[in-house]
Amino acid sequence: MKYLLPLLLLLPLGARAQSPAGRIDDFNRIGWYVYEGDHRLGPRLTVHTEYQARRTGFITGWQQSLLRGGVGYQVLPRLKLGGGYTFLSTHPYGAHPTADAGTFPEKRFYEDVTLTDSLGRVGLAHRLRLEQRYVGVPGASGPLGNDAVWQRQNRIRYQLAVQVPLQGAALDDNEWYFTAFDEVFLNFGRDITTNVFNQNRLAAGLGYQVSEDFRLELQFLNQITQHYDPDPATRFPVFEFNNGFRLGVTYNLTLIE
């Protein structure tokens, strides 16, 4: 615990460094309010539900709204496969908004694999996710194959998550735990040249397990993201440095024993 507070305080420090020549930096305060649930359909199959209200000014304005649904299959005790669909809307925010023409939608299909492990009392989870993204113009609708309306992008993500019980060797009901994750996002495909890096998210904080299926978490959140397109006026790449918190609720149901 004596190393926890200094670590959390250091999360936002890298964001205020002076911008290098030929790059535009945009700084924002964010608050992400997240619900997640993995609902059991028997011993191996789960249905995933998720909603994220991502706000700027901690809560005063919209950054993004995300709705996700999917399925997961527990192949082995430490190996899980999953896939599903995400709908996202991005709103204008910041000094250099990526939604400079107005709020735009995005539709994604994703596939992922999760491996869990432990080092003593430290629980680890590695997740690799592929995403097929269709980013629309404001008000986009109709077939995803319409290139004039939907831009196809590909992305790969890797997340390392850590969990440490704080009141004993194992996490039990009505106990606190330390939680943290780092996730890197990379673009790939024939149209990707200088903008391979998409974003990185680093978070750390505390969680409280009410029961095995009900948890609450509050984390400090640092997000660095590079816009897909450069600034239209200067043609310089635009980087966002967003700092704030992530408030999460996890609630799982057993639909079929």
C-alpha atoms as a PDB file:
ATOM      1  CA  MET A   1       0.000   0.000   0.000  1.00  0.00           C
ATOM      2  CA  LYS A   2       2.882   2.432   0.631  1.00  0.00           C
ATOM      3  CA  TYR A   3       3.639   2.439  -3.126  1.00  0.00           C
ATOM      4  CA  LEU A   4       0.008   2.847  -4.223  1.00  0.00           C
ATOM      5  CA  LEU A   5      -0.504   6.582  -3.572  1.00  0.00           C
ATOM      6  CA  PRO A   6       2.702   7.727  -5.350  1.00  0.00           C
ATOM      7  CA  LEU A   7       1.776   5.555  -8.349  1.00  0.00           C
ATOM      8  CA  LEU A   8      -1.692   7.072  -8.629  1.00  0.00           C
ATOM      9  CA  LEU A   9      -0.355  10.606  -8.319  1.00  0.00           C
ATOM     10  CA  LEU A  10       2.115  10.030 -11.137  1.00  0.00           C
ATOM     11  CA  LEU A  11      -0.532   8.914 -13.664  1.00  0.00           C
ATOM     12  CA  PRO A  12      -1.331  12.364 -15.082  1.00  0.00           C
ATOM     13  CA  LEU A  13       2.148  13.886 -14.971  1.00  0.00           C
ATOM     14  CA  GLY A  14       3.281  12.880 -18.449  1.00  0.00           C
ATOM     15  CA  ALA A  15       0.397  14.709 -20.081  1.00  0.00           C
ATOM     16  CA  ARG A  16       1.690  18.249 -19.440  1.00  0.00           C
ATOM     17  CA  ALA A  17       5.064  17.958 -21.110  1.00  0.00           C
ATOM     18  CA  GLN A  18       5.733  20.576 -23.804  1.00  0.00           C
ATOM     19  CA  SER A  19       4.451  19.562 -27.239  1.00  0.00           C
ATOM     20  CA  PRO A  20       7.213  18.641 -29.711  1.00  0.00           C
ATOM     21  CA  ALA A  21       7.430  20.586 -32.941  1.00  0.00           C
ATOM     22  CA  GLY A  22       5.022  19.395 -35.603  1.00  0.00           C
ATOM     23  CA  ARG A  23       2.437  17.969 -33.177  1.00  0.00           C
ATOM     24  CA  ILE A  24      -0.731  19.351 -31.616  1.00  0.00           C
ATOM     25  CA  ASP A  25      -1.598  18.345 -28.036  1.00  0.00           C
ATOM     26  CA  ASP A  26      -5.120  18.620 -26.626  1.00  0.00           C
ATOM     27  CA  PHE A  27      -5.725  18.233 -22.857  1.00  0.00           C
ATOM     28  CA  ASN A  28      -9.080  17.204 -21.383  1.00  0.00           C
ATOM     29  CA  ARG A  29     -10.581  16.101 -18.056  1.00  0.00           C
ATOM     30  CA  ILE A  30     -12.730  12.990 -18.300  1.00  0.00           C
ATOM     31  CA  GLY A  31     -15.077  10.831 -16.250  1.00  0.00           C
ATOM     32  CA  TRP A  32     -16.085   7.379 -17.472  1.00  0.00           C
ATOM     33  CA  TYR A  33     -19.162   5.706 -15.941  1.00  0.00           C
ATOM     34  CA  VAL A  34     -19.205   2.011 -16.794  1.00  0.00           C
ATOM     35  CA  TYR A  35     -21.552  -0.947 -16.347  1.00  0.00           C
ATOM     36  CA  GLU A  36     -20.434  -4.482 -17.297  1.00  0.00           C
ATOM     37  CA  GLY A  37     -22.010  -7.890 -16.855  1.00  0.00           C
ATOM     38  CA  ASP A  38     -21.206 -11.465 -17.924  1.00  0.00           C
ATOM     39  CA  HIS A  39     -24.397 -13.486 -17.591  1.00  0.00           C
ATOM     40  CA  ARG A  40     -24.056 -17.265 -17.402  1.00  0.00           C
ATOM     41  CA  LEU A  41     -25.832 -19.611 -19.798  1.00  0.00           C
ATOM     42  CA  GLY A  42     -24.537 -22.831 -18.310  1.00  0.00           C
ATOM     43  CA  PRO A  43     -21.039 -23.767 -17.109  1.00  0.00           C
ATOM     44  CA  ARG A  44     -19.108 -22.409 -20.127  1.00  0.00           C
ATOM     45  CA  LEU A  45     -21.199 -19.888 -22.090  1.00  0.00           C
ATOM     46  CA  THR A  46     -21.790 -16.247 -21.080  1.00  0.00           C
ATOM     47  CA  VAL A  47     -23.584 -13.257 -22.569  1.00  0.00           C
ATOM     48  CA  HIS A  48     -21.722  -9.960 -22.189  1.00  0.00           C
ATOM     49  CA  THR A  49     -23.552  -6.637 -21.723  1.00  0.00           C
ATOM     50  CA  GLU A  50     -21.835  -3.266 -21.322  1.00  0.00           C
ATOM     51  CA  TYR A  51     -22.579   0.444 -21.389  1.00  0.00           C
ATOM     52  CA  GLN A  52     -20.126   3.316 -20.968  1.00  0.00           C
ATOM     53  CA  ALA A  53     -21.045   6.985 -20.559  1.00  0.00           C
ATOM     54  CA  ARG A  54     -17.771   8.801 -21.225  1.00  0.00           C
ATOM     55  CA  ARG A  55     -17.964  12.425 -20.140  1.00  0.00           C
ATOM     56  CA  THR A  56     -15.733  15.496 -20.377  1.00  0.00           C
ATOM     57  CA  GLY A  57     -15.251  18.016 -17.587  1.00  0.00           C
ATOM     58  CA  PHE A  58     -15.575  14.879 -15.409  1.00  0.00           C
ATOM     59  CA  ILE A  59     -19.372  14.907 -15.984  1.00  0.00           C
ATOM     60  CA  THR A  60     -20.510  18.159 -17.640  1.00  0.00           C
ATOM     61  CA  GLY A  61     -20.264  17.213 -21.351  1.00  0.00           C
ATOM     62  CA  TRP A  62     -20.224  14.220 -23.667  1.00  0.00           C
ATOM     63  CA  GLN A  63     -17.064  12.551 -24.928  1.00  0.00           C
ATOM     64  CA  GLN A  64     -18.494   9.243 -26.149  1.00  0.00           C
ATOM     65  CA  SER A  65     -21.389   6.852 -25.573  1.00  0.00           C
ATOM     66  CA  LEU A  66     -20.676   3.127 -25.979  1.00  0.00           C
ATOM     67  CA  LEU A  67     -23.012   0.119 -26.029  1.00  0.00           C
ATOM     68  CA  ARG A  68     -21.548  -3.399 -26.360  1.00  0.00           C
ATOM     69  CA  GLY A  69     -22.975  -6.898 -26.475  1.00  0.00           C
ATOM     70  CA  GLY A  70     -21.279 -10.228 -27.034  1.00  0.00           C
ATOM     71  CA  VAL A  71     -20.786 -13.842 -26.072  1.00  0.00           C
ATOM     72  CA  GLY A  72     -17.956 -15.651 -24.296  1.00  0.00           C
ATOM     73  CA  TYR A  73     -16.942 -19.299 -24.131  1.00  0.00           C
ATOM     74  CA  GLN A  74     -14.744 -20.730 -21.367  1.00  0.00           C
ATOM     75  CA  VAL A  75     -12.540 -23.182 -23.273  1.00  0.00           C
ATOM     76  CA  LEU A  76     -10.277 -23.985 -20.297  1.00  0.00           C
ATOM     77  CA  PRO A  77     -10.195 -22.721 -16.696  1.00  0.00           C
ATOM     78  CA  ARG A  78      -7.727 -19.987 -17.724  1.00  0.00           C
ATOM     79  CA  LEU A  79      -8.680 -19.530 -21.401  1.00  0.00           C
ATOM     80  CA  LYS A  80     -11.762 -17.691 -22.647  1.00  0.00           C
ATOM     81  CA  LEU A  81     -12.808 -16.786 -26.195  1.00  0.00           C
ATOM     82  CA  GLY A  82     -15.267 -14.029 -27.008  1.00  0.00           C
ATOM     83  CA  GLY A  83     -16.765 -11.858 -29.703  1.00  0.00           C
ATOM     84  CA  GLY A  84     -19.532  -9.393 -30.316  1.00  0.00           C
ATOM     85  CA  TYR A  85     -20.706  -6.001 -31.530  1.00  0.00           C
ATOM     86  CA  THR A  86     -20.157  -2.426 -30.344  1.00  0.00           C
ATOM     87  CA  PHE A  87     -22.025   0.766 -31.178  1.00  0.00           C
ATOM     88  CA  LEU A  88     -20.255   4.020 -30.335  1.00  0.00           C
ATOM     89  CA  SER A  89     -21.047   7.692 -30.832  1.00  0.00           C
ATOM     90  CA  THR A  90     -18.304  10.331 -30.567  1.00  0.00           C
ATOM     91  CA  HIS A  91     -19.228  13.925 -29.715  1.00  0.00           C
ATOM     92  CA  PRO A  92     -17.336  17.176 -30.319  1.00  0.00           C
ATOM     93  CA  TYR A  93     -15.081  17.989 -27.339  1.00  0.00           C
ATOM     94  CA  GLY A  94     -11.721  19.578 -26.638  1.00  0.00           C
ATOM     95  CA  ALA A  95      -9.833  22.298 -28.490  1.00  0.00           C
ATOM     96  CA  HIS A  96      -9.261  20.051 -31.526  1.00  0.00           C
ATOM     97  CA  PRO A  97     -12.289  17.740 -31.722  1.00  0.00           C
ATOM     98  CA  THR A  98     -12.076  14.624 -33.851  1.00  0.00           C
ATOM     99  CA  ALA A  99     -15.835  15.120 -34.336  1.00  0.00           C
ATOM    100  CA  ASP A 100     -15.231  18.547 -35.886  1.00  0.00           C
ATOM    101  CA  ALA A 101     -18.161  18.097 -38.299  1.00  0.00           C
ATOM    102  CA  GLY A 102     -20.536  16.936 -35.549  1.00  0.00           C
ATOM    103  CA  THR A 103     -21.340  13.783 -33.580  1.00  0.00           C
ATOM    104  CA  PHE A 104     -20.586  10.666 -35.630  1.00  0.00           C
ATOM    105  CA  PRO A 105     -21.382   6.952 -35.154  1.00  0.00           C
ATOM    106  CA  GLU A 106     -19.120   3.923 -35.194  1.00  0.00           C
ATOM    107  CA  LYS A 107     -20.007   0.249 -35.514  1.00  0.00           C
ATOM    108  CA  ARG A 108     -17.537  -2.477 -34.567  1.00  0.00           C
ATOM    109  CA  PHE A 109     -17.277  -6.229 -34.649  1.00  0.00           C
ATOM    110  CA  TYR A 110     -14.718  -7.746 -32.301  1.00  0.00           C
ATOM    111  CA  GLU A 111     -13.073 -11.052 -31.384  1.00  0.00           C
ATOM    112  CA  ASP A 112     -10.916 -11.596 -28.320  1.00  0.00           C
ATOM    113  CA  VAL A 113      -9.005 -14.139 -26.288  1.00  0.00           C
ATOM    114  CA  THR A 114      -8.379 -13.796 -22.533  1.00  0.00           C
ATOM    115  CA  LEU A 115      -5.736 -15.688 -20.546  1.00  0.00           C
ATOM    116  CA  THR A 116      -5.718 -15.505 -16.738  1.00  0.00           C
ATOM    117  CA  ASP A 117      -2.864 -16.352 -14.379  1.00  0.00           C
ATOM    118  CA  SER A 118      -1.598 -15.557 -10.896  1.00  0.00           C
ATOM    119  CA  LEU A 119       1.669 -14.706  -9.175  1.00  0.00           C
ATOM    120  CA  GLY A 120       1.114 -15.433  -5.527  1.00  0.00           C
ATOM    121  CA  ARG A 121      -1.831 -13.287  -4.462  1.00  0.00           C
ATOM    122  CA  VAL A 122      -1.614 -11.138  -7.626  1.00  0.00           C
ATOM    123  CA  GLY A 123      -4.198 -12.024 -10.259  1.00  0.00           C
ATOM    124  CA  LEU A 124      -3.310 -11.319 -13.903  1.00  0.00           C
ATOM    125  CA  ALA A 125      -5.467 -11.191 -17.033  1.00  0.00           C
ATOM    126  CA  HIS A 126      -4.130 -10.824 -20.578  1.00  0.00           C
ATOM    127  CA  ARG A 127      -6.645  -9.868 -23.275  1.00  0.00           C
ATOM    128  CA  LEU A 128      -5.973  -9.632 -27.019  1.00  0.00           C
ATOM    129  CA  ARG A 129      -8.786  -8.123 -29.093  1.00  0.00           C
ATOM    130  CA  LEU A 130      -9.242  -7.610 -32.850  1.00  0.00           C
ATOM    131  CA  GLU A 131     -11.719  -4.989 -34.053  1.00  0.00           C
ATOM    132  CA  GLN A 132     -13.268  -4.390 -37.464  1.00  0.00           C
ATOM    133  CA  ARG A 133     -14.392  -0.757 -37.264  1.00  0.00           C
ATOM    134  CA  TYR A 134     -16.839   1.138 -39.470  1.00  0.00           C
ATOM    135  CA  VAL A 135     -16.572   4.861 -38.713  1.00  0.00           C
ATOM    136  CA  GLY A 136     -19.430   6.889 -40.152  1.00  0.00           C
ATOM    137  CA  VAL A 137     -19.951  10.473 -41.185  1.00  0.00           C
ATOM    138  CA  PRO A 138     -22.389  12.474 -38.993  1.00  0.00           C
ATOM    139  CA  GLY A 139     -25.849  10.958 -39.391  1.00  0.00           C
ATOM    140  CA  ALA A 140     -24.504   7.869 -41.164  1.00  0.00           C
ATOM    141  CA  SER A 141     -26.925   5.039 -41.896  1.00  0.00           C
ATOM    142  CA  GLY A 142     -27.430   2.311 -44.456  1.00  0.00           C
ATOM    143  CA  PRO A 143     -25.147  -0.571 -45.558  1.00  0.00           C
ATOM    144  CA  LEU A 144     -21.666  -0.735 -44.044  1.00  0.00           C
ATOM    145  CA  GLY A 145     -20.263  -1.436 -47.515  1.00  0.00           C
ATOM    146  CA  ASN A 146     -21.039   2.135 -48.628  1.00  0.00           C
ATOM    147  CA  ASP A 147     -17.541   3.669 -48.597  1.00  0.00           C
ATOM    148  CA  ALA A 148     -18.929   7.179 -48.972  1.00  0.00           C
ATOM    149  CA  VAL A 149     -20.647   6.859 -45.586  1.00  0.00           C
ATOM    150  CA  TRP A 150     -18.608   4.302 -43.604  1.00  0.00           C
ATOM    151  CA  GLN A 151     -14.797   4.222 -43.402  1.00  0.00           C
ATOM    152  CA  ARG A 152     -13.395   0.742 -42.701  1.00  0.00           C
ATOM    153  CA  GLN A 153     -10.566   0.571 -40.145  1.00  0.00           C
ATOM    154  CA  ASN A 154      -8.812  -2.311 -38.364  1.00  0.00           C
ATOM    155  CA  ARG A 155      -7.378  -2.259 -34.863  1.00  0.00           C
ATOM    156  CA  ILE A 156      -5.669  -4.635 -32.450  1.00  0.00           C
ATOM    157  CA  ARG A 157      -5.692  -4.143 -28.661  1.00  0.00           C
ATOM    158  CA  TYR A 158      -3.695  -5.737 -25.846  1.00  0.00           C
ATOM    159  CA  GLN A 159      -4.651  -5.282 -22.195  1.00  0.00           C
ATOM    160  CA  LEU A 160      -2.828  -6.413 -19.052  1.00  0.00           C
ATOM    161  CA  ALA A 161      -5.000  -6.225 -15.924  1.00  0.00           C
ATOM    162  CA  VAL A 162      -3.875  -6.729 -12.320  1.00  0.00           C
ATOM    163  CA  GLN A 163      -5.903  -7.446  -9.180  1.00  0.00           C
ATOM    164  CA  VAL A 164      -4.535  -7.722  -5.636  1.00  0.00           C
ATOM    165  CA  PRO A 165      -6.667  -8.500  -2.529  1.00  0.00           C
ATOM    166  CA  LEU A 166      -5.972  -6.078   0.320  1.00  0.00           C
ATOM    167  CA  GLN A 167      -7.492  -7.911   3.298  1.00  0.00           C
ATOM    168  CA  GLY A 168      -6.081 -11.407   2.984  1.00  0.00           C
ATOM    169  CA  ALA A 169      -4.492 -13.936   0.692  1.00  0.00           C
ATOM    170  CA  ALA A 170      -7.694 -14.281  -1.388  1.00  0.00           C
ATOM    171  CA  LEU A 171     -10.536 -11.928  -2.240  1.00  0.00           C
ATOM    172  CA  ASP A 172     -13.767 -12.640  -0.370  1.00  0.00           C
ATOM    173  CA  ASP A 173     -17.133 -10.915  -0.188  1.00  0.00           C
ATOM    174  CA  ASN A 174     -17.226  -7.467   1.432  1.00  0.00           C
ATOM    175  CA  GLU A 175     -13.494  -6.892   0.922  1.00  0.00           C
ATOM    176  CA  TRP A 176     -11.340  -4.294  -0.833  1.00  0.00           C
ATOM    177  CA  TYR A 177      -8.818  -4.933  -3.592  1.00  0.00           C
ATOM    178  CA  PHE A 178      -6.314  -3.009  -5.728  1.00  0.00           C
ATOM    179  CA  THR A 179      -7.055  -2.982  -9.449  1.00  0.00           C
ATOM    180  CA  ALA A 180      -5.071  -1.658 -12.426  1.00  0.00           C
ATOM    181  CA  PHE A 181      -4.764  -2.122 -16.162  1.00  0.00           C
ATOM    182  CA  ASP A 182      -2.815  -0.880 -19.146  1.00  0.00           C
ATOM    183  CA  GLU A 183      -4.133  -1.253 -22.698  1.00  0.00           C
ATOM    184  CA  VAL A 184      -2.470  -0.299 -25.986  1.00  0.00           C
ATOM    185  CA  PHE A 185      -4.387   0.155 -29.273  1.00  0.00           C
ATOM    186  CA  LEU A 186      -2.700  -0.155 -32.691  1.00  0.00           C
ATOM    187  CA  ASN A 187      -4.153   0.489 -36.148  1.00  0.00           C
ATOM    188  CA  PHE A 188      -3.240  -1.831 -38.999  1.00  0.00           C
ATOM    189  CA  GLY A 189      -4.120  -2.283 -42.665  1.00  0.00           C
ATOM    190  CA  ARG A 190      -3.174  -1.033 -46.111  1.00  0.00           C
ATOM    191  CA  ASP A 191      -4.138   2.596 -45.372  1.00  0.00           C
ATOM    192  CA  ILE A 192      -2.086   2.828 -42.169  1.00  0.00           C
ATOM    193  CA  THR A 193       1.269   4.615 -42.544  1.00  0.00           C
ATOM    194  CA  THR A 194       2.259   7.114 -39.848  1.00  0.00           C
ATOM    195  CA  ASN A 195      -0.711   6.603 -37.495  1.00  0.00           C
ATOM    196  CA  VAL A 196      -0.102   3.029 -36.310  1.00  0.00           C
ATOM    197  CA  PHE A 197      -0.424   4.123 -32.676  1.00  0.00           C
ATOM    198  CA  ASN A 198      -4.072   4.789 -31.822  1.00  0.00           C
ATOM    199  CA  GLN A 199      -4.192   5.123 -28.040  1.00  0.00           C
ATOM    200  CA  ASN A 200      -3.081   3.905 -24.621  1.00  0.00           C
ATOM    201  CA  ARG A 201      -5.141   3.678 -21.445  1.00  0.00           C
ATOM    202  CA  LEU A 202      -3.614   3.374 -17.986  1.00  0.00           C
ATOM    203  CA  ALA A 203      -5.779   3.072 -14.874  1.00  0.00           C
ATOM    204  CA  ALA A 204      -5.298   2.179 -11.217  1.00  0.00           C
ATOM    205  CA  GLY A 205      -7.466   2.364  -8.126  1.00  0.00           C
ATOM    206  CA  LEU A 206      -9.579   0.464  -5.628  1.00  0.00           C
ATOM    207  CA  GLY A 207     -12.393  -2.037  -5.935  1.00  0.00           C
ATOM    208  CA  TYR A 208     -14.917  -3.455  -3.480  1.00  0.00           C
ATOM    209  CA  GLN A 209     -16.402  -6.944  -3.888  1.00  0.00           C
ATOM    210  CA  VAL A 210     -19.938  -7.018  -2.524  1.00  0.00           C
ATOM    211  CA  SER A 211     -20.328 -10.589  -3.769  1.00  0.00           C
ATOM    212  CA  GLU A 212     -18.764 -12.818  -6.404  1.00  0.00           C
ATOM    213  CA  ASP A 213     -21.148 -11.315  -8.987  1.00  0.00           C
ATOM    214  CA  PHE A 214     -21.272  -7.694  -7.787  1.00  0.00           C
ATOM    215  CA  ARG A 215     -18.280  -5.346  -7.700  1.00  0.00           C
ATOM    216  CA  LEU A 216     -17.626  -1.601  -7.566  1.00  0.00           C
ATOM    217  CA  GLU A 217     -14.418   0.071  -8.782  1.00  0.00           C
ATOM    218  CA  LEU A 218     -13.014   3.612  -8.813  1.00  0.00           C
ATOM    219  CA  GLN A 219      -9.801   4.177 -10.779  1.00  0.00           C
ATOM    220  CA  PHE A 220      -7.656   7.104 -11.821  1.00  0.00           C
ATOM    221  CA  LEU A 221      -7.624   7.048 -15.641  1.00  0.00           C
ATOM    222  CA  ASN A 222      -5.040   8.357 -18.102  1.00  0.00           C
ATOM    223  CA  GLN A 223      -5.838   8.161 -21.837  1.00  0.00           C
ATOM    224  CA  ILE A 224      -3.459   9.161 -24.647  1.00  0.00           C
ATOM    225  CA  THR A 225      -4.985   8.971 -28.111  1.00  0.00           C
ATOM    226  CA  GLN A 226      -3.868   9.971 -31.611  1.00  0.00           C
ATOM    227  CA  HIS A 227      -6.515  11.162 -34.046  1.00  0.00           C
ATOM    228  CA  TYR A 228      -6.871   9.033 -37.170  1.00  0.00           C
ATOM    229  CA  ASP A 229      -6.710  12.158 -39.369  1.00  0.00           C
ATOM    230  CA  PRO A 230      -4.285  15.092 -38.920  1.00  0.00           C
ATOM    231  CA  ASP A 231      -5.381  18.622 -38.075  1.00  0.00           C
ATOM    232  CA  PRO A 232      -7.106  19.975 -41.210  1.00  0.00           C
ATOM    233  CA  ALA A 233      -5.452  23.418 -40.990  1.00  0.00           C
ATOM    234  CA  THR A 234      -1.818  22.476 -40.263  1.00  0.00           C
ATOM    235  CA  ARG A 235      -1.762  18.769 -41.253  1.00  0.00           C
ATOM    236  CA  PHE A 236       0.007  18.088 -37.935  1.00  0.00           C
ATOM    237  CA  PRO A 237      -0.940  14.941 -35.982  1.00  0.00           C
ATOM    238  CA  VAL A 238      -3.267  15.586 -33.036  1.00  0.00           C
ATOM    239  CA  PHE A 239      -2.712  13.837 -29.689  1.00  0.00           C
ATOM    240  CA  GLU A 240      -5.203  13.942 -26.816  1.00  0.00           C
ATOM    241  CA  PHE A 241      -4.002  13.691 -23.210  1.00  0.00           C
ATOM    242  CA  ASN A 242      -7.113  12.934 -21.169  1.00  0.00           C
ATOM    243  CA  ASN A 243      -6.993  12.495 -17.388  1.00  0.00           C
ATOM    244  CA  GLY A 244      -9.733  11.740 -14.889  1.00  0.00           C
ATOM    245  CA  PHE A 245     -11.428   8.713 -13.382  1.00  0.00           C
ATOM    246  CA  ARG A 246     -13.304   5.541 -14.263  1.00  0.00           C
ATOM    247  CA  LEU A 247     -16.252   4.527 -12.052  1.00  0.00           C
ATOM    248  CA  GLY A 248     -17.281   0.934 -12.774  1.00  0.00           C
ATOM    249  CA  VAL A 249     -20.072  -1.404 -11.712  1.00  0.00           C
ATOM    250  CA  THR A 250     -19.961  -5.122 -12.502  1.00  0.00           C
ATOM    251  CA  TYR A 251     -23.112  -7.176 -11.989  1.00  0.00           C
ATOM    252  CA  ASN A 252     -23.416 -10.724 -13.314  1.00  0.00           C
ATOM    253  CA  LEU A 253     -26.515 -12.888 -13.528  1.00  0.00           C
ATOM    254  CA  THR A 254     -27.019 -16.643 -13.767  1.00  0.00           C
ATOM    255  CA  LEU A 255     -29.601 -17.136 -16.510  1.00  0.00           C
ATOM    256  CA  ILE A 256     -29.061 -20.895 -16.881  1.00  0.00           C
ATOM    257  CA  GLU A 257     -27.275 -23.028 -14.287  1.00  0.00           C
END
